[in-house]
Amino acid sequence: MKKAIFLAAAILLFGCNQSPQNESSSAAPDMTFGGWSGTVDDNSMESQMTRKLMTKYTEGNFRDIADMISDDSKEYFFNDVAVDKEGWLSAAEVHHDLFDSIANDKVQAVNLTTARFDNGSVWSLAWFQWTGKGKFTGEEVKIYVHHGFRFEGDKIVAAYHFFDPSLFNREIAASKKE
């Protein structure tokens, strides 16, 4: 009887402790749903470039990173508004014409990482609370923002910024009254 109990315990102990074979490193990526699985790295070259871009933006020196942005792409969006490279650079300057004390990390640290997808696409993704003080309304504002930058090599070839533009629009309206 003791041998049977020991055998049952051994089977349970060793039988349930087997780890699955890791074939993912040698197997082709599963493209059934577009290959949107992959890996993330918050210290990648793209993450570091995005941090630099965000720092230059808050400092009011966004044109300093113009060489990071592809000259050829037209895939730069602020919500549903498409802009070219110059439009993106100019928009960043307008933010500083409207607001003082712009920050992306005043409320909490920026959540930023880069995803390398199995389909070959590389995206740097950030979530944060944008803050600033309106130069015309005097109001302290906070806007939730998500942006994603698609990289090819060391160039941003696509940018998508998602945020509620209401507070920007209010500041623009106030600037036109003066």
C-alpha atoms as a PDB file:
ATOM      1  CA  MET A   1       0.000   0.000   0.000  1.00  0.00           C
ATOM      2  CA  LYS A   2       2.874   2.387   0.814  1.00  0.00           C
ATOM      3  CA  LYS A   3       4.373   1.710  -2.618  1.00  0.00           C
ATOM      4  CA  ALA A   4       1.059   2.585  -4.301  1.00  0.00           C
ATOM      5  CA  ILE A   5       0.754   5.868  -2.380  1.00  0.00           C
ATOM      6  CA  PHE A   6       4.388   6.716  -3.124  1.00  0.00           C
ATOM      7  CA  LEU A   7       3.894   5.885  -6.825  1.00  0.00           C
ATOM      8  CA  ALA A   8       0.719   8.023  -7.024  1.00  0.00           C
ATOM      9  CA  ALA A   9       2.472  10.954  -5.298  1.00  0.00           C
ATOM     10  CA  ALA A  10       5.470  10.663  -7.636  1.00  0.00           C
ATOM     11  CA  ILE A  11       3.215  10.619 -10.701  1.00  0.00           C
ATOM     12  CA  LEU A  12       1.342  13.701  -9.470  1.00  0.00           C
ATOM     13  CA  LEU A  13       4.525  15.533  -8.531  1.00  0.00           C
ATOM     14  CA  PHE A  14       6.484  14.897 -11.705  1.00  0.00           C
ATOM     15  CA  GLY A  15       3.603  14.452 -14.129  1.00  0.00           C
ATOM     16  CA  CYS A  16       2.146  17.901 -13.405  1.00  0.00           C
ATOM     17  CA  ASN A  17       5.482  19.692 -13.431  1.00  0.00           C
ATOM     18  CA  GLN A  18       6.350  19.346 -17.090  1.00  0.00           C
ATOM     19  CA  SER A  19       6.850  22.596 -18.937  1.00  0.00           C
ATOM     20  CA  PRO A  20       5.746  22.834 -22.557  1.00  0.00           C
ATOM     21  CA  GLN A  21       8.397  22.690 -25.247  1.00  0.00           C
ATOM     22  CA  ASN A  22       9.395  26.159 -26.369  1.00  0.00           C
ATOM     23  CA  GLU A  23       9.150  26.027 -30.134  1.00  0.00           C
ATOM     24  CA  SER A  24       8.453  29.734 -30.623  1.00  0.00           C
ATOM     25  CA  SER A  25      12.095  30.617 -31.224  1.00  0.00           C
ATOM     26  CA  SER A  26      12.376  28.301 -34.221  1.00  0.00           C
ATOM     27  CA  ALA A  27       8.793  28.319 -35.480  1.00  0.00           C
ATOM     28  CA  ALA A  28       7.504  30.823 -38.014  1.00  0.00           C
ATOM     29  CA  PRO A  29       5.279  33.534 -36.533  1.00  0.00           C
ATOM     30  CA  ASP A  30       1.543  32.859 -36.541  1.00  0.00           C
ATOM     31  CA  MET A  31       0.165  35.285 -39.122  1.00  0.00           C
ATOM     32  CA  THR A  32      -3.435  34.046 -38.832  1.00  0.00           C
ATOM     33  CA  PHE A  33      -4.568  37.352 -37.365  1.00  0.00           C
ATOM     34  CA  GLY A  34      -2.014  39.663 -38.974  1.00  0.00           C
ATOM     35  CA  GLY A  35       1.086  38.873 -36.920  1.00  0.00           C
ATOM     36  CA  TRP A  36       0.310  41.331 -34.134  1.00  0.00           C
ATOM     37  CA  SER A  37       2.046  39.239 -31.482  1.00  0.00           C
ATOM     38  CA  GLY A  38       5.606  40.121 -30.654  1.00  0.00           C
ATOM     39  CA  THR A  39       7.866  41.538 -27.979  1.00  0.00           C
ATOM     40  CA  VAL A  40       8.040  44.841 -26.130  1.00  0.00           C
ATOM     41  CA  ASP A  41      11.136  46.697 -24.980  1.00  0.00           C
ATOM     42  CA  ASP A  42      11.045  49.975 -23.073  1.00  0.00           C
ATOM     43  CA  ASN A  43      14.782  50.520 -23.581  1.00  0.00           C
ATOM     44  CA  SER A  44      14.983  49.976 -27.345  1.00  0.00           C
ATOM     45  CA  MET A  45      16.504  52.506 -29.725  1.00  0.00           C
ATOM     46  CA  GLU A  46      12.967  53.519 -30.743  1.00  0.00           C
ATOM     47  CA  SER A  47      11.878  54.018 -27.116  1.00  0.00           C
ATOM     48  CA  GLN A  48      14.953  56.157 -26.486  1.00  0.00           C
ATOM     49  CA  MET A  49      14.269  58.195 -29.624  1.00  0.00           C
ATOM     50  CA  THR A  50      10.643  58.696 -28.556  1.00  0.00           C
ATOM     51  CA  ARG A  51      11.756  59.878 -25.107  1.00  0.00           C
ATOM     52  CA  LYS A  52      14.116  62.374 -26.764  1.00  0.00           C
ATOM     53  CA  LEU A  53      11.300  63.555 -29.057  1.00  0.00           C
ATOM     54  CA  MET A  54       8.958  64.019 -26.080  1.00  0.00           C
ATOM     55  CA  THR A  55      11.630  65.942 -24.143  1.00  0.00           C
ATOM     56  CA  LYS A  56      12.379  68.257 -27.066  1.00  0.00           C
ATOM     57  CA  TYR A  57       8.626  68.822 -27.486  1.00  0.00           C
ATOM     58  CA  THR A  58       8.097  69.871 -23.860  1.00  0.00           C
ATOM     59  CA  GLU A  59      11.182  72.118 -24.020  1.00  0.00           C
ATOM     60  CA  GLY A  60       9.761  73.895 -27.076  1.00  0.00           C
ATOM     61  CA  ASN A  61      12.593  72.592 -29.266  1.00  0.00           C
ATOM     62  CA  PHE A  62      10.661  70.095 -31.387  1.00  0.00           C
ATOM     63  CA  ARG A  63      12.429  71.045 -34.628  1.00  0.00           C
ATOM     64  CA  ASP A  64      15.649  69.698 -33.079  1.00  0.00           C
ATOM     65  CA  ILE A  65      14.353  66.175 -33.756  1.00  0.00           C
ATOM     66  CA  ALA A  66      13.148  66.855 -37.329  1.00  0.00           C
ATOM     67  CA  ASP A  67      15.791  64.449 -38.647  1.00  0.00           C
ATOM     68  CA  MET A  68      13.986  61.581 -36.834  1.00  0.00           C
ATOM     69  CA  ILE A  69      10.860  62.122 -38.957  1.00  0.00           C
ATOM     70  CA  SER A  70      10.682  60.768 -42.507  1.00  0.00           C
ATOM     71  CA  ASP A  71      10.445  63.444 -45.192  1.00  0.00           C
ATOM     72  CA  ASP A  72       8.457  61.175 -47.500  1.00  0.00           C
ATOM     73  CA  SER A  73       5.605  59.908 -45.352  1.00  0.00           C
ATOM     74  CA  LYS A  74       2.170  61.489 -45.218  1.00  0.00           C
ATOM     75  CA  GLU A  75       0.952  59.216 -42.407  1.00  0.00           C
ATOM     76  CA  TYR A  76       1.020  61.702 -39.529  1.00  0.00           C
ATOM     77  CA  PHE A  77      -2.278  62.231 -37.717  1.00  0.00           C
ATOM     78  CA  PHE A  78      -3.688  64.305 -34.877  1.00  0.00           C
ATOM     79  CA  ASN A  79      -6.887  62.371 -34.220  1.00  0.00           C
ATOM     80  CA  ASP A  80      -8.457  62.341 -37.708  1.00  0.00           C
ATOM     81  CA  VAL A  81      -6.475  65.295 -39.119  1.00  0.00           C
ATOM     82  CA  ALA A  82      -3.671  64.265 -41.476  1.00  0.00           C
ATOM     83  CA  VAL A  83      -0.566  66.453 -41.671  1.00  0.00           C
ATOM     84  CA  ASP A  84       2.782  66.234 -43.399  1.00  0.00           C
ATOM     85  CA  LYS A  85       6.133  66.531 -41.639  1.00  0.00           C
ATOM     86  CA  GLU A  86       6.067  70.339 -41.649  1.00  0.00           C
ATOM     87  CA  GLY A  87       2.498  70.300 -40.330  1.00  0.00           C
ATOM     88  CA  TRP A  88       3.581  68.109 -37.414  1.00  0.00           C
ATOM     89  CA  LEU A  89       6.568  70.331 -36.600  1.00  0.00           C
ATOM     90  CA  SER A  90       4.441  73.485 -36.831  1.00  0.00           C
ATOM     91  CA  ALA A  91       1.672  72.024 -34.650  1.00  0.00           C
ATOM     92  CA  ALA A  92       4.188  71.419 -31.865  1.00  0.00           C
ATOM     93  CA  GLU A  93       5.252  75.064 -32.073  1.00  0.00           C
ATOM     94  CA  VAL A  94       1.629  76.255 -31.931  1.00  0.00           C
ATOM     95  CA  HIS A  95       1.172  74.309 -28.686  1.00  0.00           C
ATOM     96  CA  HIS A  96       3.886  76.487 -27.161  1.00  0.00           C
ATOM     97  CA  ASP A  97       2.265  79.627 -28.576  1.00  0.00           C
ATOM     98  CA  LEU A  98      -0.906  78.685 -26.671  1.00  0.00           C
ATOM     99  CA  PHE A  99       0.425  77.118 -23.453  1.00  0.00           C
ATOM    100  CA  ASP A 100       3.163  77.604 -20.866  1.00  0.00           C
ATOM    101  CA  SER A 101       4.634  74.912 -18.611  1.00  0.00           C
ATOM    102  CA  ILE A 102       3.900  72.058 -21.009  1.00  0.00           C
ATOM    103  CA  ALA A 103       4.698  68.676 -19.462  1.00  0.00           C
ATOM    104  CA  ASN A 104       3.990  65.031 -20.180  1.00  0.00           C
ATOM    105  CA  ASP A 105       4.967  63.736 -16.754  1.00  0.00           C
ATOM    106  CA  LYS A 106       3.689  66.276 -14.220  1.00  0.00           C
ATOM    107  CA  VAL A 107       0.820  64.051 -13.032  1.00  0.00           C
ATOM    108  CA  GLN A 108       2.481  60.658 -13.487  1.00  0.00           C
ATOM    109  CA  ALA A 109       5.377  59.137 -15.382  1.00  0.00           C
ATOM    110  CA  VAL A 110       4.920  58.527 -19.100  1.00  0.00           C
ATOM    111  CA  ASN A 111       4.087  54.921 -19.986  1.00  0.00           C
ATOM    112  CA  LEU A 112       6.259  54.200 -23.019  1.00  0.00           C
ATOM    113  CA  THR A 113       7.437  51.051 -24.734  1.00  0.00           C
ATOM    114  CA  THR A 114       8.297  49.778 -28.185  1.00  0.00           C
ATOM    115  CA  ALA A 115       6.606  46.746 -29.700  1.00  0.00           C
ATOM    116  CA  ARG A 116       8.304  44.599 -32.348  1.00  0.00           C
ATOM    117  CA  PHE A 117       5.532  42.661 -33.991  1.00  0.00           C
ATOM    118  CA  ASP A 118       5.890  39.326 -35.753  1.00  0.00           C
ATOM    119  CA  ASN A 119       4.765  40.967 -39.012  1.00  0.00           C
ATOM    120  CA  GLY A 120       7.908  43.154 -38.945  1.00  0.00           C
ATOM    121  CA  SER A 121       6.190  46.351 -37.831  1.00  0.00           C
ATOM    122  CA  VAL A 122       7.906  48.360 -35.056  1.00  0.00           C
ATOM    123  CA  TRP A 123       5.827  50.815 -33.008  1.00  0.00           C
ATOM    124  CA  SER A 124       6.783  53.053 -30.100  1.00  0.00           C
ATOM    125  CA  LEU A 125       3.673  53.583 -27.943  1.00  0.00           C
ATOM    126  CA  ALA A 126       3.092  56.101 -25.153  1.00  0.00           C
ATOM    127  CA  TRP A 127       0.244  56.940 -22.773  1.00  0.00           C
ATOM    128  CA  PHE A 128       0.403  60.003 -20.571  1.00  0.00           C
ATOM    129  CA  GLN A 129      -1.351  63.052 -19.171  1.00  0.00           C
ATOM    130  CA  TRP A 130      -0.373  66.208 -21.021  1.00  0.00           C
ATOM    131  CA  THR A 131      -0.482  69.357 -18.880  1.00  0.00           C
ATOM    132  CA  GLY A 132      -0.036  73.041 -19.564  1.00  0.00           C
ATOM    133  CA  LYS A 133      -1.235  76.493 -18.553  1.00  0.00           C
ATOM    134  CA  GLY A 134      -3.220  78.437 -21.136  1.00  0.00           C
ATOM    135  CA  LYS A 135      -1.575  81.717 -22.118  1.00  0.00           C
ATOM    136  CA  PHE A 136      -4.945  83.272 -22.969  1.00  0.00           C
ATOM    137  CA  THR A 137      -7.366  81.645 -20.507  1.00  0.00           C
ATOM    138  CA  GLY A 138      -4.896  81.245 -17.648  1.00  0.00           C
ATOM    139  CA  GLU A 139      -6.367  77.780 -17.048  1.00  0.00           C
ATOM    140  CA  GLU A 140      -4.339  74.761 -15.975  1.00  0.00           C
ATOM    141  CA  VAL A 141      -5.310  71.939 -18.320  1.00  0.00           C
ATOM    142  CA  LYS A 142      -4.807  68.185 -18.324  1.00  0.00           C
ATOM    143  CA  ILE A 143      -5.378  66.083 -21.435  1.00  0.00           C
ATOM    144  CA  TYR A 144      -5.101  62.302 -21.682  1.00  0.00           C
ATOM    145  CA  VAL A 145      -2.975  61.370 -24.699  1.00  0.00           C
ATOM    146  CA  HIS A 146      -2.009  58.192 -26.495  1.00  0.00           C
ATOM    147  CA  HIS A 147       0.407  58.259 -29.376  1.00  0.00           C
ATOM    148  CA  GLY A 148       2.067  55.655 -31.522  1.00  0.00           C
ATOM    149  CA  PHE A 149       5.040  56.113 -33.829  1.00  0.00           C
ATOM    150  CA  ARG A 150       5.866  53.496 -36.472  1.00  0.00           C
ATOM    151  CA  PHE A 151       9.560  53.227 -37.188  1.00  0.00           C
ATOM    152  CA  GLU A 152      11.480  51.997 -40.198  1.00  0.00           C
ATOM    153  CA  GLY A 153      15.112  51.932 -39.165  1.00  0.00           C
ATOM    154  CA  ASP A 154      15.863  55.188 -37.372  1.00  0.00           C
ATOM    155  CA  LYS A 155      12.993  57.169 -38.936  1.00  0.00           C
ATOM    156  CA  ILE A 156       9.418  57.734 -37.810  1.00  0.00           C
ATOM    157  CA  VAL A 157       7.291  56.931 -40.858  1.00  0.00           C
ATOM    158  CA  ALA A 158       3.867  57.125 -39.191  1.00  0.00           C
ATOM    159  CA  ALA A 159       2.515  58.969 -36.170  1.00  0.00           C
ATOM    160  CA  TYR A 160      -0.914  58.771 -34.591  1.00  0.00           C
ATOM    161  CA  HIS A 161      -1.861  61.123 -31.731  1.00  0.00           C
ATOM    162  CA  PHE A 162      -5.171  60.522 -29.944  1.00  0.00           C
ATOM    163  CA  PHE A 163      -6.588  63.058 -27.468  1.00  0.00           C
ATOM    164  CA  ASP A 164      -9.671  65.164 -26.808  1.00  0.00           C
ATOM    165  CA  PRO A 165      -8.978  68.511 -28.546  1.00  0.00           C
ATOM    166  CA  SER A 166     -11.632  70.475 -26.592  1.00  0.00           C
ATOM    167  CA  LEU A 167      -9.180  72.280 -24.301  1.00  0.00           C
ATOM    168  CA  PHE A 168      -6.871  73.131 -27.212  1.00  0.00           C
ATOM    169  CA  ASN A 169      -9.828  74.484 -29.164  1.00  0.00           C
ATOM    170  CA  ARG A 170     -10.902  76.598 -26.188  1.00  0.00           C
ATOM    171  CA  GLU A 171      -7.415  78.095 -25.919  1.00  0.00           C
ATOM    172  CA  ILE A 172      -7.337  78.771 -29.680  1.00  0.00           C
ATOM    173  CA  ALA A 173     -10.699  80.564 -29.419  1.00  0.00           C
ATOM    174  CA  ALA A 174      -9.424  82.656 -26.490  1.00  0.00           C
ATOM    175  CA  SER A 175      -6.285  83.599 -28.454  1.00  0.00           C
ATOM    176  CA  LYS A 176      -8.423  85.011 -31.279  1.00  0.00           C
ATOM    177  CA  LYS A 177     -10.319  87.309 -28.906  1.00  0.00           C
ATOM    178  CA  GLU A 178      -7.187  89.257 -28.018  1.00  0.00           C
END
